[in-house]
C-alpha atoms as a PDB file:
ATOM      1  CA  MET A   1       4.882  61.665  38.809  1.00  0.00           C
ATOM      2  CA  THR A   2       4.948  59.378  35.793  1.00  0.00           C
ATOM      3  CA  ALA A   3       8.106  59.474  33.705  1.00  0.00           C
ATOM      4  CA  THR A   4       7.709  59.879  29.968  1.00  0.00           C
ATOM      5  CA  VAL A   5       9.825  57.623  27.787  1.00  0.00           C
ATOM      6  CA  ARG A   6      10.679  59.212  24.443  1.00  0.00           C
ATOM      7  CA  VAL A   7      11.188  56.813  21.542  1.00  0.00           C
ATOM      8  CA  PRO A   8      13.224  58.147  18.607  1.00  0.00           C
ATOM      9  CA  SER A   9      11.039  58.570  15.542  1.00  0.00           C
ATOM     10  CA  ARG A  10      13.110  56.070  13.510  1.00  0.00           C
ATOM     11  CA  SER A  11      12.789  53.417  16.253  1.00  0.00           C
ATOM     12  CA  LEU A  12       9.085  54.114  16.591  1.00  0.00           C
ATOM     13  CA  ALA A  13       8.619  53.677  12.862  1.00  0.00           C
ATOM     14  CA  LEU A  14      10.504  50.376  13.003  1.00  0.00           C
ATOM     15  CA  LEU A  15       8.310  49.119  15.840  1.00  0.00           C
ATOM     16  CA  VAL A  16       5.197  49.998  13.879  1.00  0.00           C
ATOM     17  CA  VAL A  17       6.519  48.193  10.796  1.00  0.00           C
ATOM     18  CA  LEU A  18       7.364  45.082  12.846  1.00  0.00           C
ATOM     19  CA  ALA A  19       3.964  45.110  14.547  1.00  0.00           C
ATOM     20  CA  ILE A  20       2.251  45.202  11.166  1.00  0.00           C
ATOM     21  CA  ALA A  21       4.647  42.747   9.518  1.00  0.00           C
ATOM     22  CA  ALA A  22       4.239  39.937  12.065  1.00  0.00           C
ATOM     23  CA  PRO A  23       0.499  39.381  11.482  1.00  0.00           C
ATOM     24  CA  ALA A  24       1.014  39.891   7.756  1.00  0.00           C
ATOM     25  CA  ALA A  25       3.760  37.262   7.737  1.00  0.00           C
ATOM     26  CA  ALA A  26       1.449  34.849   9.535  1.00  0.00           C
ATOM     27  CA  ALA A  27      -1.354  35.571   7.077  1.00  0.00           C
ATOM     28  CA  ASP A  28       0.905  34.782   4.112  1.00  0.00           C
ATOM     29  CA  TYR A  29       2.488  31.774   5.845  1.00  0.00           C
ATOM     30  CA  PRO A  30       3.309  29.236   4.584  1.00  0.00           C
ATOM     31  CA  ALA A  31       4.398  30.184   1.082  1.00  0.00           C
ATOM     32  CA  ARG A  32       6.668  27.185   0.519  1.00  0.00           C
ATOM     33  CA  PRO A  33       7.157  23.624   1.896  1.00  0.00           C
ATOM     34  CA  ILE A  34       7.857  23.131   5.604  1.00  0.00           C
ATOM     35  CA  ARG A  35      10.616  20.849   6.878  1.00  0.00           C
ATOM     36  CA  ALA A  36       9.734  18.664   9.872  1.00  0.00           C
ATOM     37  CA  ILE A  37      12.729  17.111  11.651  1.00  0.00           C
ATOM     38  CA  ALA A  38      12.117  13.737  13.298  1.00  0.00           C
ATOM     39  CA  SER A  39      14.801  12.913  15.838  1.00  0.00           C
ATOM     40  CA  GLN A  40      14.221   9.219  16.602  1.00  0.00           C
ATOM     41  CA  GLY A  41      14.787   7.444  13.292  1.00  0.00           C
ATOM     42  CA  PRO A  42      12.653   5.508  10.785  1.00  0.00           C
ATOM     43  CA  GLY A  43      10.189   3.051  12.275  1.00  0.00           C
ATOM     44  CA  GLY A  44      10.024   4.788  15.659  1.00  0.00           C
ATOM     45  CA  LEU A  45       6.692   5.914  17.070  1.00  0.00           C
ATOM     46  CA  SER A  46       7.481   9.622  16.787  1.00  0.00           C
ATOM     47  CA  ASP A  47       8.716   9.241  13.194  1.00  0.00           C
ATOM     48  CA  ILE A  48       5.587   7.330  12.170  1.00  0.00           C
ATOM     49  CA  TRP A  49       3.361   9.844  13.967  1.00  0.00           C
ATOM     50  CA  MET A  50       5.122  12.849  12.425  1.00  0.00           C
ATOM     51  CA  ARG A  51       4.715  11.419   8.930  1.00  0.00           C
ATOM     52  CA  ALA A  52       1.009  10.799   9.532  1.00  0.00           C
ATOM     53  CA  LEU A  53       0.628  14.353  10.838  1.00  0.00           C
ATOM     54  CA  ALA A  54       2.555  15.808   7.893  1.00  0.00           C
ATOM     55  CA  GLU A  55       0.315  14.014   5.420  1.00  0.00           C
ATOM     56  CA  GLU A  56      -2.746  15.853   6.746  1.00  0.00           C
ATOM     57  CA  LEU A  57      -1.055  19.042   7.912  1.00  0.00           C
ATOM     58  CA  GLY A  58       0.174  19.867   4.415  1.00  0.00           C
ATOM     59  CA  PRO A  59      -3.272  20.157   2.788  1.00  0.00           C
ATOM     60  CA  LEU A  60      -4.582  22.140   5.768  1.00  0.00           C
ATOM     61  CA  LEU A  61      -1.749  24.684   5.479  1.00  0.00           C
ATOM     62  CA  GLY A  62      -1.667  24.652   1.703  1.00  0.00           C
ATOM     63  CA  GLN A  63       1.959  23.528   1.476  1.00  0.00           C
ATOM     64  CA  SER A  64       3.688  20.167   1.745  1.00  0.00           C
ATOM     65  CA  VAL A  65       5.342  19.166   5.026  1.00  0.00           C
ATOM     66  CA  VAL A  66       8.468  17.115   4.368  1.00  0.00           C
ATOM     67  CA  VAL A  67       9.794  14.888   7.193  1.00  0.00           C
ATOM     68  CA  GLU A  68      13.563  14.625   7.552  1.00  0.00           C
ATOM     69  CA  ASP A  69      15.225  12.165   9.931  1.00  0.00           C
ATOM     70  CA  ARG A  70      18.076  13.590  12.025  1.00  0.00           C
ATOM     71  CA  MET A  71      18.519  10.983  14.734  1.00  0.00           C
ATOM     72  CA  GLY A  72      21.144  10.421  17.395  1.00  0.00           C
ATOM     73  CA  ALA A  73      22.225  11.485  20.893  1.00  0.00           C
ATOM     74  CA  ALA A  74      18.755  10.906  22.381  1.00  0.00           C
ATOM     75  CA  GLY A  75      17.270  13.624  20.208  1.00  0.00           C
ATOM     76  CA  SER A  76      19.965  16.257  20.666  1.00  0.00           C
ATOM     77  CA  ILE A  77      21.162  16.069  17.044  1.00  0.00           C
ATOM     78  CA  GLY A  78      17.666  16.768  15.763  1.00  0.00           C
ATOM     79  CA  ALA A  79      17.154  19.465  18.376  1.00  0.00           C
ATOM     80  CA  ARG A  80      20.296  21.320  17.354  1.00  0.00           C
ATOM     81  CA  ALA A  81      19.497  21.043  13.635  1.00  0.00           C
ATOM     82  CA  CYS A  82      16.086  22.518  14.336  1.00  0.00           C
ATOM     83  CA  ALA A  83      17.456  25.316  16.506  1.00  0.00           C
ATOM     84  CA  GLU A  84      20.038  26.320  13.884  1.00  0.00           C
ATOM     85  CA  ALA A  85      17.438  26.736  11.144  1.00  0.00           C
ATOM     86  CA  PRO A  86      16.123  30.218  10.251  1.00  0.00           C
ATOM     87  CA  PRO A  87      13.303  31.225  12.647  1.00  0.00           C
ATOM     88  CA  ASP A  88      10.754  31.709   9.887  1.00  0.00           C
ATOM     89  CA  GLY A  89       8.338  28.830  10.478  1.00  0.00           C
ATOM     90  CA  TYR A  90       9.720  26.664   7.703  1.00  0.00           C
ATOM     91  CA  THR A  91      11.471  24.271  10.082  1.00  0.00           C
ATOM     92  CA  ILE A  92       9.733  22.458  12.926  1.00  0.00           C
ATOM     93  CA  CYS A  93      10.781  19.351  14.857  1.00  0.00           C
ATOM     94  CA  ILE A  94       9.431  16.611  17.084  1.00  0.00           C
ATOM     95  CA  LEU A  95      11.672  15.867  20.047  1.00  0.00           C
ATOM     96  CA  PRO A  96      11.606  13.511  23.048  1.00  0.00           C
ATOM     97  CA  ALA A  97      11.620  14.722  26.626  1.00  0.00           C
ATOM     98  CA  GLU A  98      15.248  13.601  26.929  1.00  0.00           C
ATOM     99  CA  ALA A  99      16.419  16.192  24.419  1.00  0.00           C
ATOM    100  CA  MET A 100      14.795  19.034  26.335  1.00  0.00           C
ATOM    101  CA  VAL A 101      15.029  18.156  30.024  1.00  0.00           C
ATOM    102  CA  ILE A 102      17.710  15.496  30.596  1.00  0.00           C
ATOM    103  CA  ASN A 103      20.432  15.880  27.957  1.00  0.00           C
ATOM    104  CA  PRO A 104      21.140  19.535  28.829  1.00  0.00           C
ATOM    105  CA  VAL A 105      21.957  18.378  32.373  1.00  0.00           C
ATOM    106  CA  ILE A 106      24.007  15.246  31.710  1.00  0.00           C
ATOM    107  CA  SER A 107      25.445  15.986  28.254  1.00  0.00           C
ATOM    108  CA  PRO A 108      25.446  19.741  27.675  1.00  0.00           C
ATOM    109  CA  ILE A 109      26.506  20.911  24.234  1.00  0.00           C
ATOM    110  CA  ALA A 110      28.734  23.978  24.212  1.00  0.00           C
ATOM    111  CA  GLY A 111      26.838  26.991  22.938  1.00  0.00           C
ATOM    112  CA  PHE A 112      23.525  25.159  22.734  1.00  0.00           C
ATOM    113  CA  ASP A 113      20.726  25.540  25.277  1.00  0.00           C
ATOM    114  CA  PRO A 114      17.486  23.883  24.097  1.00  0.00           C
ATOM    115  CA  LYS A 115      15.347  26.103  26.314  1.00  0.00           C
ATOM    116  CA  ALA A 116      16.782  29.284  24.811  1.00  0.00           C
ATOM    117  CA  SER A 117      17.130  27.906  21.289  1.00  0.00           C
ATOM    118  CA  LEU A 118      13.721  26.334  20.672  1.00  0.00           C
ATOM    119  CA  ALA A 119      10.166  27.656  20.872  1.00  0.00           C
ATOM    120  CA  PRO A 120       7.501  25.198  22.085  1.00  0.00           C
ATOM    121  CA  ILE A 121       4.536  24.680  19.758  1.00  0.00           C
ATOM    122  CA  THR A 122       2.644  21.884  21.535  1.00  0.00           C
ATOM    123  CA  LYS A 123       3.222  18.787  23.639  1.00  0.00           C
ATOM    124  CA  ALA A 124       2.040  16.173  21.168  1.00  0.00           C
ATOM    125  CA  PHE A 125       1.635  13.103  23.358  1.00  0.00           C
ATOM    126  CA  THR A 126       2.872  11.046  26.264  1.00  0.00           C
ATOM    127  CA  LEU A 127       3.548   7.358  25.730  1.00  0.00           C
ATOM    128  CA  THR A 128       3.409   4.167  27.731  1.00  0.00           C
ATOM    129  CA  GLN A 129       6.682   2.262  27.844  1.00  0.00           C
ATOM    130  CA  VAL A 130       6.896  -1.490  28.329  1.00  0.00           C
ATOM    131  CA  PHE A 131       9.666  -3.582  29.874  1.00  0.00           C
ATOM    132  CA  ALA A 132       9.945  -6.394  27.326  1.00  0.00           C
ATOM    133  CA  VAL A 133      12.205  -9.417  26.870  1.00  0.00           C
ATOM    134  CA  ASN A 134      12.931 -11.740  23.972  1.00  0.00           C
ATOM    135  CA  ALA A 135      10.751 -14.851  24.216  1.00  0.00           C
ATOM    136  CA  SER A 136      13.790 -17.131  23.938  1.00  0.00           C
ATOM    137  CA  LEU A 137      14.643 -16.241  27.550  1.00  0.00           C
ATOM    138  CA  HIS A 138      11.404 -17.916  28.711  1.00  0.00           C
ATOM    139  CA  ALA A 139      11.075 -15.294  31.440  1.00  0.00           C
ATOM    140  CA  LYS A 140       7.555 -14.430  32.595  1.00  0.00           C
ATOM    141  CA  SER A 141       8.616 -12.315  35.592  1.00  0.00           C
ATOM    142  CA  PHE A 142      11.492 -10.174  36.809  1.00  0.00           C
ATOM    143  CA  GLU A 143      12.601 -13.003  39.080  1.00  0.00           C
ATOM    144  CA  GLU A 144      12.767 -15.470  36.179  1.00  0.00           C
ATOM    145  CA  LEU A 145      14.635 -12.888  34.103  1.00  0.00           C
ATOM    146  CA  ALA A 146      17.153 -12.390  36.900  1.00  0.00           C
ATOM    147  CA  SER A 147      17.710 -16.156  37.128  1.00  0.00           C
ATOM    148  CA  ALA A 148      18.281 -16.356  33.376  1.00  0.00           C
ATOM    149  CA  ALA A 149      20.761 -13.483  33.552  1.00  0.00           C
ATOM    150  CA  ARG A 150      22.715 -14.998  36.435  1.00  0.00           C
ATOM    151  CA  ALA A 151      22.964 -18.246  34.462  1.00  0.00           C
ATOM    152  CA  LYS A 152      24.553 -16.334  31.566  1.00  0.00           C
ATOM    153  CA  PRO A 153      26.772 -13.701  33.192  1.00  0.00           C
ATOM    154  CA  LYS A 154      27.891 -10.745  31.050  1.00  0.00           C
ATOM    155  CA  SER A 155      25.927 -11.957  28.042  1.00  0.00           C
ATOM    156  CA  LEU A 156      22.634 -10.040  28.163  1.00  0.00           C
ATOM    157  CA  SER A 157      22.093  -6.388  27.243  1.00  0.00           C
ATOM    158  CA  TYR A 158      19.223  -3.918  27.170  1.00  0.00           C
ATOM    159  CA  MET A 159      18.029  -0.792  25.377  1.00  0.00           C
ATOM    160  CA  ALA A 160      16.342   2.150  27.104  1.00  0.00           C
ATOM    161  CA  PRO A 161      15.689   5.629  25.715  1.00  0.00           C
ATOM    162  CA  SER A 162      15.414   7.581  28.961  1.00  0.00           C
ATOM    163  CA  LEU A 163      17.548   8.136  32.032  1.00  0.00           C
ATOM    164  CA  SER A 164      14.854   7.088  34.498  1.00  0.00           C
ATOM    165  CA  LYS A 165      14.656   3.712  32.749  1.00  0.00           C
ATOM    166  CA  VAL A 166      18.454   3.396  32.766  1.00  0.00           C
ATOM    167  CA  ALA A 167      18.398   4.193  36.480  1.00  0.00           C
ATOM    168  CA  PHE A 168      15.739   1.505  36.915  1.00  0.00           C
ATOM    169  CA  MET A 169      17.989  -1.050  35.219  1.00  0.00           C
ATOM    170  CA  GLU A 170      20.930  -0.079  37.420  1.00  0.00           C
ATOM    171  CA  GLU A 171      18.733  -0.575  40.473  1.00  0.00           C
ATOM    172  CA  PHE A 172      17.520  -3.899  38.999  1.00  0.00           C
ATOM    173  CA  ASN A 173      21.139  -5.055  38.700  1.00  0.00           C
ATOM    174  CA  ARG A 174      21.827  -4.143  42.328  1.00  0.00           C
ATOM    175  CA  ARG A 175      18.615  -5.712  43.569  1.00  0.00           C
ATOM    176  CA  HIS A 176      18.993  -9.020  41.696  1.00  0.00           C
ATOM    177  CA  GLY A 177      22.765  -9.393  41.376  1.00  0.00           C
ATOM    178  CA  THR A 178      22.599  -9.199  37.580  1.00  0.00           C
ATOM    179  CA  ASP A 179      24.892  -7.466  35.105  1.00  0.00           C
ATOM    180  CA  PHE A 180      22.732  -6.177  32.251  1.00  0.00           C
ATOM    181  CA  VAL A 181      24.586  -3.612  30.147  1.00  0.00           C
ATOM    182  CA  ARG A 182      22.992  -0.827  28.143  1.00  0.00           C
ATOM    183  CA  VAL A 183      23.625  -0.789  24.392  1.00  0.00           C
ATOM    184  CA  PRO A 184      22.994   2.109  22.004  1.00  0.00           C
ATOM    185  CA  PHE A 185      20.170   2.168  19.479  1.00  0.00           C
ATOM    186  CA  LYS A 186      19.081   4.503  16.692  1.00  0.00           C
ATOM    187  CA  GLY A 187      15.337   4.465  17.152  1.00  0.00           C
ATOM    188  CA  GLY A 188      12.189   2.385  17.521  1.00  0.00           C
ATOM    189  CA  GLY A 189      12.729   0.394  14.345  1.00  0.00           C
ATOM    190  CA  ASP A 190      16.277  -0.415  15.376  1.00  0.00           C
ATOM    191  CA  ALA A 191      15.081  -1.526  18.806  1.00  0.00           C
ATOM    192  CA  VAL A 192      12.444  -3.850  17.367  1.00  0.00           C
ATOM    193  CA  ASN A 193      14.889  -5.505  14.968  1.00  0.00           C
ATOM    194  CA  SER A 194      17.443  -5.972  17.704  1.00  0.00           C
ATOM    195  CA  MET A 195      14.847  -7.572  19.982  1.00  0.00           C
ATOM    196  CA  LEU A 196      13.462  -9.910  17.316  1.00  0.00           C
ATOM    197  CA  THR A 197      16.886 -11.173  16.268  1.00  0.00           C
ATOM    198  CA  GLY A 198      17.904 -11.735  19.883  1.00  0.00           C
ATOM    199  CA  THR A 199      20.830  -9.328  19.542  1.00  0.00           C
ATOM    200  CA  THR A 200      19.472  -7.460  22.537  1.00  0.00           C
ATOM    201  CA  ALA A 201      17.548  -9.339  25.190  1.00  0.00           C
ATOM    202  CA  ILE A 202      15.630  -6.488  26.805  1.00  0.00           C
ATOM    203  CA  ALA A 203      14.049  -3.216  25.760  1.00  0.00           C
ATOM    204  CA  ILE A 204      12.178  -0.611  27.770  1.00  0.00           C
ATOM    205  CA  PHE A 205      10.460   1.117  24.913  1.00  0.00           C
ATOM    206  CA  GLY A 206       7.182   2.571  23.687  1.00  0.00           C
ATOM    207  CA  ILE A 207       4.586  -0.178  23.804  1.00  0.00           C
ATOM    208  CA  GLY A 208       3.354   0.791  20.347  1.00  0.00           C
ATOM    209  CA  ASN A 209       6.687  -0.340  18.881  1.00  0.00           C
ATOM    210  CA  LEU A 210       6.407  -3.793  20.400  1.00  0.00           C
ATOM    211  CA  ILE A 211       2.731  -4.590  20.929  1.00  0.00           C
ATOM    212  CA  GLN A 212       2.226  -6.702  17.796  1.00  0.00           C
ATOM    213  CA  PHE A 213       5.216  -8.875  18.681  1.00  0.00           C
ATOM    214  CA  ILE A 214       3.985  -9.181  22.270  1.00  0.00           C
ATOM    215  CA  ARG A 215       0.620 -10.359  20.965  1.00  0.00           C
ATOM    216  CA  ASN A 216       2.403 -12.852  18.706  1.00  0.00           C
ATOM    217  CA  GLU A 217       4.426 -14.031  21.746  1.00  0.00           C
ATOM    218  CA  GLU A 218       7.725 -13.269  20.016  1.00  0.00           C
ATOM    219  CA  ILE A 219       8.408 -10.781  22.784  1.00  0.00           C
ATOM    220  CA  ILE A 220       7.167 -10.943  26.380  1.00  0.00           C
ATOM    221  CA  GLY A 221       6.013  -7.824  28.241  1.00  0.00           C
ATOM    222  CA  LEU A 222       6.762  -7.890  31.963  1.00  0.00           C
ATOM    223  CA  ALA A 223       5.659  -4.431  33.125  1.00  0.00           C
ATOM    224  CA  VAL A 224       4.522  -0.996  31.930  1.00  0.00           C
ATOM    225  CA  ASP A 225       5.239   2.422  33.373  1.00  0.00           C
ATOM    226  CA  GLY A 226       2.541   4.902  34.291  1.00  0.00           C
ATOM    227  CA  ASP A 227      -0.200   4.779  36.882  1.00  0.00           C
ATOM    228  CA  LYS A 228      -2.411   2.280  35.096  1.00  0.00           C
ATOM    229  CA  ARG A 229      -2.200  -0.662  32.715  1.00  0.00           C
ATOM    230  CA  SER A 230      -2.186  -0.029  28.992  1.00  0.00           C
ATOM    231  CA  PRO A 231      -5.445  -0.797  27.178  1.00  0.00           C
ATOM    232  CA  LEU A 232      -3.260  -2.298  24.437  1.00  0.00           C
ATOM    233  CA  ALA A 233      -2.034  -4.985  26.831  1.00  0.00           C
ATOM    234  CA  PRO A 234      -4.264  -5.116  29.933  1.00  0.00           C
ATOM    235  CA  ASP A 235      -2.624  -8.351  31.136  1.00  0.00           C
ATOM    236  CA  ILE A 236       0.744  -6.631  31.660  1.00  0.00           C
ATOM    237  CA  PRO A 237       0.990  -5.138  35.185  1.00  0.00           C
ATOM    238  CA  THR A 238       2.465  -1.753  36.050  1.00  0.00           C
ATOM    239  CA  PHE A 239       5.846  -1.518  37.753  1.00  0.00           C
ATOM    240  CA  ARG A 240       4.126  -0.423  40.953  1.00  0.00           C
ATOM    241  CA  GLU A 241       1.810  -3.420  40.953  1.00  0.00           C
ATOM    242  CA  ILE A 242       4.770  -5.795  41.146  1.00  0.00           C
ATOM    243  CA  GLY A 243       6.589  -3.869  43.849  1.00  0.00           C
ATOM    244  CA  TYR A 244       8.808  -1.417  41.974  1.00  0.00           C
ATOM    245  CA  THR A 245       7.916   2.011  43.328  1.00  0.00           C
ATOM    246  CA  GLN A 246      10.929   3.883  41.952  1.00  0.00           C
ATOM    247  CA  HIS A 247       9.857   7.097  40.203  1.00  0.00           C
ATOM    248  CA  LEU A 248       9.867   6.747  36.421  1.00  0.00           C
ATOM    249  CA  MET A 249       9.622  10.089  34.656  1.00  0.00           C
ATOM    250  CA  ALA A 250       6.828  10.184  32.075  1.00  0.00           C
ATOM    251  CA  SER A 251       7.955  10.019  28.458  1.00  0.00           C
ATOM    252  CA  PHE A 252       6.603  12.596  26.034  1.00  0.00           C
ATOM    253  CA  PHE A 253       7.246  14.146  22.642  1.00  0.00           C
ATOM    254  CA  GLY A 254       6.768  17.795  21.780  1.00  0.00           C
ATOM    255  CA  ILE A 255       6.806  19.889  18.633  1.00  0.00           C
ATOM    256  CA  TYR A 256       9.101  22.908  18.458  1.00  0.00           C
ATOM    257  CA  ALA A 257      10.376  25.613  16.132  1.00  0.00           C
ATOM    258  CA  PRO A 258      13.587  27.668  16.266  1.00  0.00           C
ATOM    259  CA  ALA A 259      13.545  30.383  18.922  1.00  0.00           C
ATOM    260  CA  ALA A 260      12.497  33.813  17.614  1.00  0.00           C
ATOM    261  CA  THR A 261       9.998  32.274  15.214  1.00  0.00           C
ATOM    262  CA  PRO A 262       7.233  34.936  15.158  1.00  0.00           C
ATOM    263  CA  LYS A 263       4.510  34.222  17.694  1.00  0.00           C
ATOM    264  CA  PRO A 264       1.698  34.532  15.131  1.00  0.00           C
ATOM    265  CA  ILE A 265       3.349  31.745  13.126  1.00  0.00           C
ATOM    266  CA  ILE A 266       3.785  29.624  16.279  1.00  0.00           C
ATOM    267  CA  ALA A 267       0.089  30.163  16.995  1.00  0.00           C
ATOM    268  CA  LYS A 268      -0.881  29.199  13.449  1.00  0.00           C
ATOM    269  CA  LEU A 269       1.180  26.021  13.622  1.00  0.00           C
ATOM    270  CA  ASN A 270      -0.252  25.214  17.046  1.00  0.00           C
ATOM    271  CA  ARG A 271      -3.827  25.551  15.807  1.00  0.00           C
ATOM    272  CA  ALA A 272      -3.116  23.499  12.690  1.00  0.00           C
ATOM    273  CA  VAL A 273      -1.437  20.637  14.571  1.00  0.00           C
ATOM    274  CA  ILE A 274      -4.235  20.524  17.138  1.00  0.00           C
ATOM    275  CA  GLU A 275      -6.897  20.582  14.416  1.00  0.00           C
ATOM    276  CA  VAL A 276      -5.349  17.603  12.640  1.00  0.00           C
ATOM    277  CA  ALA A 277      -4.338  15.541  15.659  1.00  0.00           C
ATOM    278  CA  SER A 278      -7.599  16.107  17.557  1.00  0.00           C
ATOM    279  CA  GLN A 279      -9.658  14.343  14.916  1.00  0.00           C
ATOM    280  CA  ALA A 280     -11.153  11.142  16.317  1.00  0.00           C
ATOM    281  CA  GLN A 281     -10.099   9.087  13.297  1.00  0.00           C
ATOM    282  CA  PHE A 282      -6.522  10.393  13.447  1.00  0.00           C
ATOM    283  CA  GLN A 283      -6.262   9.688  17.173  1.00  0.00           C
ATOM    284  CA  GLU A 284      -7.644   6.184  16.894  1.00  0.00           C
ATOM    285  CA  ARG A 285      -5.444   5.227  13.952  1.00  0.00           C
ATOM    286  CA  HIS A 286      -2.203   6.998  14.817  1.00  0.00           C
ATOM    287  CA  MET A 287      -2.263   7.471  18.596  1.00  0.00           C
ATOM    288  CA  ILE A 288      -4.535   5.324  20.761  1.00  0.00           C
ATOM    289  CA  SER A 289      -3.739   2.158  18.797  1.00  0.00           C
ATOM    290  CA  ARG A 290      -0.020   2.849  19.249  1.00  0.00           C
ATOM    291  CA  GLY A 291      -0.058   3.567  22.969  1.00  0.00           C
ATOM    292  CA  LEU A 292       0.201   7.348  22.550  1.00  0.00           C
ATOM    293  CA  ASP A 293      -1.912   9.547  24.830  1.00  0.00           C
ATOM    294  CA  PRO A 294      -2.784  12.873  23.144  1.00  0.00           C
ATOM    295  CA  VAL A 295      -1.973  16.106  24.972  1.00  0.00           C
ATOM    296  CA  LEU A 296      -2.094  18.841  22.271  1.00  0.00           C
ATOM    297  CA  ASN A 297      -1.954  21.899  24.503  1.00  0.00           C
ATOM    298  CA  TRP A 298      -1.443  25.587  23.726  1.00  0.00           C
ATOM    299  CA  ALA A 299       2.110  26.820  23.232  1.00  0.00           C
ATOM    300  CA  ASP A 300       2.167  28.920  26.424  1.00  0.00           C
ATOM    301  CA  ALA A 301       0.874  26.011  28.506  1.00  0.00           C
ATOM    302  CA  PHE A 302       3.516  23.727  27.018  1.00  0.00           C
ATOM    303  CA  ALA A 303       6.247  26.243  27.854  1.00  0.00           C
ATOM    304  CA  GLN A 304       5.094  26.298  31.486  1.00  0.00           C
ATOM    305  CA  GLU A 305       4.999  22.497  31.636  1.00  0.00           C
ATOM    306  CA  LEU A 306       8.538  22.336  30.268  1.00  0.00           C
ATOM    307  CA  ASP A 307       9.788  24.418  33.193  1.00  0.00           C
ATOM    308  CA  ALA A 308       8.256  21.900  35.605  1.00  0.00           C
ATOM    309  CA  ASP A 309       9.620  19.003  33.511  1.00  0.00           C
ATOM    310  CA  ARG A 310      13.139  20.461  33.692  1.00  0.00           C
ATOM    311  CA  ALA A 311      12.951  20.630  37.470  1.00  0.00           C
ATOM    312  CA  GLU A 312      11.725  17.022  37.555  1.00  0.00           C
ATOM    313  CA  GLY A 313      14.460  15.997  35.124  1.00  0.00           C
ATOM    314  CA  LEU A 314      17.175  17.457  37.348  1.00  0.00           C
ATOM    315  CA  ALA A 315      15.704  15.584  40.318  1.00  0.00           C
ATOM    316  CA  VAL A 316      15.716  12.340  38.306  1.00  0.00           C
ATOM    317  CA  VAL A 317      19.371  12.859  37.353  1.00  0.00           C
ATOM    318  CA  LYS A 318      20.361  13.406  40.989  1.00  0.00           C
ATOM    319  CA  ALA A 319      18.282  10.490  42.262  1.00  0.00           C
ATOM    320  CA  SER A 320      19.710   8.111  39.671  1.00  0.00           C
ATOM    321  CA  GLY A 321      23.150   8.189  41.304  1.00  0.00           C
ATOM    322  CA  LEU A 322      24.693   7.881  37.833  1.00  0.00           C
ATOM    323  CA  TYR A 323      26.030  11.436  37.800  1.00  0.00           C
ATOM    324  CA  PRO A 324      27.422  12.173  41.295  1.00  0.00           C
ATOM    325  CA  ASP A 325      29.080  15.410  40.145  1.00  0.00           C
ATOM    326  CA  ILE A 326      25.736  16.999  39.269  1.00  0.00           C
ATOM    327  CA  LYS A 327      24.366  18.833  42.275  1.00  0.00           C
END
């Protein structure tokens, strides 16, 4: 026998109103400018990409999209600012994988869970990262870099935006008897300036940030992550090609909105972002030429991928050996 669930008339009326209001809200959306939070700082690949997207997204939606930089803590500051905004579609953000799958494990913020606090819109792109050194070191291989480091103990530092790359550097130190130390950075622009001035000797960073300086031989690329060489620098081998088989988690950036943002608005944003970023001219100018591989999936597919990414992120944290208390 099937049980009958009785819904009070007031509750039923409210459900009907909400069901009608959600599509109506999406139809009227947006009615004012949208704020887009970029979490990696001016001059970084994600900041540049978000500004290019905003320039074309605004006319498509009929409202301006204003980019606001909220960098720091590997994306967590931007993530929290985005999550704390009203869930009405007028705040979105672009965040790195670290903010969503690594930081919650190694640096949890009390009362803030990115998975529960943010709604995925689309995975924008993955990016190739390059292991690069300042040309003044005259190092054309990892072995030559190690020799240069041993000749100048405790004097060389590196920048890396992700835990798997930090773990790689720790393994590099053990393998070669070197003592590279990680230093903080604010974003891609900061990393480039630090490399060019020689303040920091090494960066493992998005190849799009560094490719022009690699071509000008101001910076030397020694290896790239991923399964294949980058078309931007086909002469630079992959880590695996030169004998480093350690797993390096893929780097990606996604676009999110505060949790509880109405699904019709999420869907509208998803369609708009995909429409803009799928254009051949946009991809060639703002993605392919910068070492960014477009993904641009549906929101539900991105949410499912994030679950798998979180499991991979936890495995990376454990395998790194840098956080022995995390089980």
